[in-house]
Amino acid sequence: MEQLSKVLLIVGGLNWGLVGVGNLMGSSWNIVSMVLGNWPILLSVVYVLVGAAAVYELYGLATKKGM
């Protein structure tokens, strides 16, 4: 679970970075959208999984800090 959340966070972070750079250059560089195509529900599932991975990692950080 730990490895999966880290992979999802890396994918999500790179995707957001590329979306930002693409917007600055006047184009769309959403890699998740490019790879998965125009399937709104599938894209939403990926984004929810990335968000869940972030919450999981934040929870892990909070509980390690409390120890």
C-alpha atoms as a PDB file:
ATOM      1  CA  MET A   1       0.000   0.000   0.000  1.00  0.00           C
ATOM      2  CA  GLU A   2       2.851   2.343   0.856  1.00  0.00           C
ATOM      3  CA  GLN A   3       4.559   1.852  -2.518  1.00  0.00           C
ATOM      4  CA  LEU A   4       1.310   2.298  -4.436  1.00  0.00           C
ATOM      5  CA  SER A   5       0.551   5.572  -2.669  1.00  0.00           C
ATOM      6  CA  LYS A   6       4.032   6.868  -3.429  1.00  0.00           C
ATOM      7  CA  VAL A   7       3.710   5.948  -7.119  1.00  0.00           C
ATOM      8  CA  LEU A   8       0.311   7.659  -7.293  1.00  0.00           C
ATOM      9  CA  LEU A   9       1.720  10.788  -5.659  1.00  0.00           C
ATOM     10  CA  ILE A  10       4.624  10.889  -8.106  1.00  0.00           C
ATOM     11  CA  VAL A  11       2.291  10.450 -11.077  1.00  0.00           C
ATOM     12  CA  GLY A  12      -0.073  13.098  -9.711  1.00  0.00           C
ATOM     13  CA  GLY A  13       2.715  15.551  -8.969  1.00  0.00           C
ATOM     14  CA  LEU A  14       4.298  15.157 -12.383  1.00  0.00           C
ATOM     15  CA  ASN A  15       0.916  15.488 -14.062  1.00  0.00           C
ATOM     16  CA  TRP A  16       0.082  18.727 -12.208  1.00  0.00           C
ATOM     17  CA  GLY A  17       3.525  20.114 -13.006  1.00  0.00           C
ATOM     18  CA  LEU A  18       3.091  19.325 -16.692  1.00  0.00           C
ATOM     19  CA  VAL A  19      -0.432  20.767 -16.693  1.00  0.00           C
ATOM     20  CA  GLY A  20       0.977  24.012 -15.274  1.00  0.00           C
ATOM     21  CA  VAL A  21       3.828  24.192 -17.783  1.00  0.00           C
ATOM     22  CA  GLY A  22       1.457  23.316 -20.619  1.00  0.00           C
ATOM     23  CA  ASN A  23      -0.941  26.080 -19.586  1.00  0.00           C
ATOM     24  CA  LEU A  24       1.918  28.589 -19.535  1.00  0.00           C
ATOM     25  CA  MET A  25       2.869  27.526 -23.054  1.00  0.00           C
ATOM     26  CA  GLY A  26      -0.722  27.618 -24.326  1.00  0.00           C
ATOM     27  CA  SER A  27      -1.319  23.891 -24.680  1.00  0.00           C
ATOM     28  CA  SER A  28      -2.609  20.924 -22.702  1.00  0.00           C
ATOM     29  CA  TRP A  29      -0.064  18.537 -21.221  1.00  0.00           C
ATOM     30  CA  ASN A  30      -2.368  16.462 -19.025  1.00  0.00           C
ATOM     31  CA  ILE A  31      -0.561  13.123 -19.204  1.00  0.00           C
ATOM     32  CA  VAL A  32      -3.339  11.202 -17.434  1.00  0.00           C
ATOM     33  CA  SER A  33      -5.805  12.445 -20.028  1.00  0.00           C
ATOM     34  CA  MET A  34      -3.388  11.659 -22.857  1.00  0.00           C
ATOM     35  CA  VAL A  35      -2.827   8.095 -21.636  1.00  0.00           C
ATOM     36  CA  LEU A  36      -6.408   7.239 -20.645  1.00  0.00           C
ATOM     37  CA  GLY A  37      -8.201   9.192 -23.344  1.00  0.00           C
ATOM     38  CA  ASN A  38     -11.461  11.042 -22.996  1.00  0.00           C
ATOM     39  CA  TRP A  39     -13.148   8.843 -20.389  1.00  0.00           C
ATOM     40  CA  PRO A  40     -14.332  11.281 -17.706  1.00  0.00           C
ATOM     41  CA  ILE A  41     -15.263   8.602 -15.168  1.00  0.00           C
ATOM     42  CA  LEU A  42     -11.902   6.827 -15.498  1.00  0.00           C
ATOM     43  CA  LEU A  43     -10.048  10.142 -15.199  1.00  0.00           C
ATOM     44  CA  SER A  44     -12.072  10.972 -12.082  1.00  0.00           C
ATOM     45  CA  VAL A  45     -11.207   7.584 -10.563  1.00  0.00           C
ATOM     46  CA  VAL A  46      -7.498   8.204 -11.146  1.00  0.00           C
ATOM     47  CA  TYR A  47      -7.713  11.672  -9.596  1.00  0.00           C
ATOM     48  CA  VAL A  48      -9.631  10.321  -6.580  1.00  0.00           C
ATOM     49  CA  LEU A  49      -6.979   7.614  -6.125  1.00  0.00           C
ATOM     50  CA  VAL A  50      -4.221  10.245  -6.229  1.00  0.00           C
ATOM     51  CA  GLY A  51      -6.116  12.293  -3.640  1.00  0.00           C
ATOM     52  CA  ALA A  52      -6.626   9.215  -1.451  1.00  0.00           C
ATOM     53  CA  ALA A  53      -2.900   8.471  -1.680  1.00  0.00           C
ATOM     54  CA  ALA A  54      -2.145  11.996  -0.499  1.00  0.00           C
ATOM     55  CA  VAL A  55      -4.505  11.604   2.477  1.00  0.00           C
ATOM     56  CA  TYR A  56      -2.924   8.228   3.279  1.00  0.00           C
ATOM     57  CA  GLU A  57       0.572   9.708   3.229  1.00  0.00           C
ATOM     58  CA  LEU A  58      -0.501  12.725   5.309  1.00  0.00           C
ATOM     59  CA  TYR A  59      -2.065  10.397   7.861  1.00  0.00           C
ATOM     60  CA  GLY A  60       1.154   8.387   7.951  1.00  0.00           C
ATOM     61  CA  LEU A  61       3.192  11.539   8.516  1.00  0.00           C
ATOM     62  CA  ALA A  62       0.856  12.732  11.259  1.00  0.00           C
ATOM     63  CA  THR A  63       0.958   9.430  13.125  1.00  0.00           C
ATOM     64  CA  LYS A  64       4.762   9.118  12.845  1.00  0.00           C
ATOM     65  CA  LYS A  65       5.176  12.648  14.183  1.00  0.00           C
ATOM     66  CA  GLY A  66       2.980  11.857  17.163  1.00  0.00           C
ATOM     67  CA  MET A  67       5.212   8.966  18.208  1.00  0.00           C
END
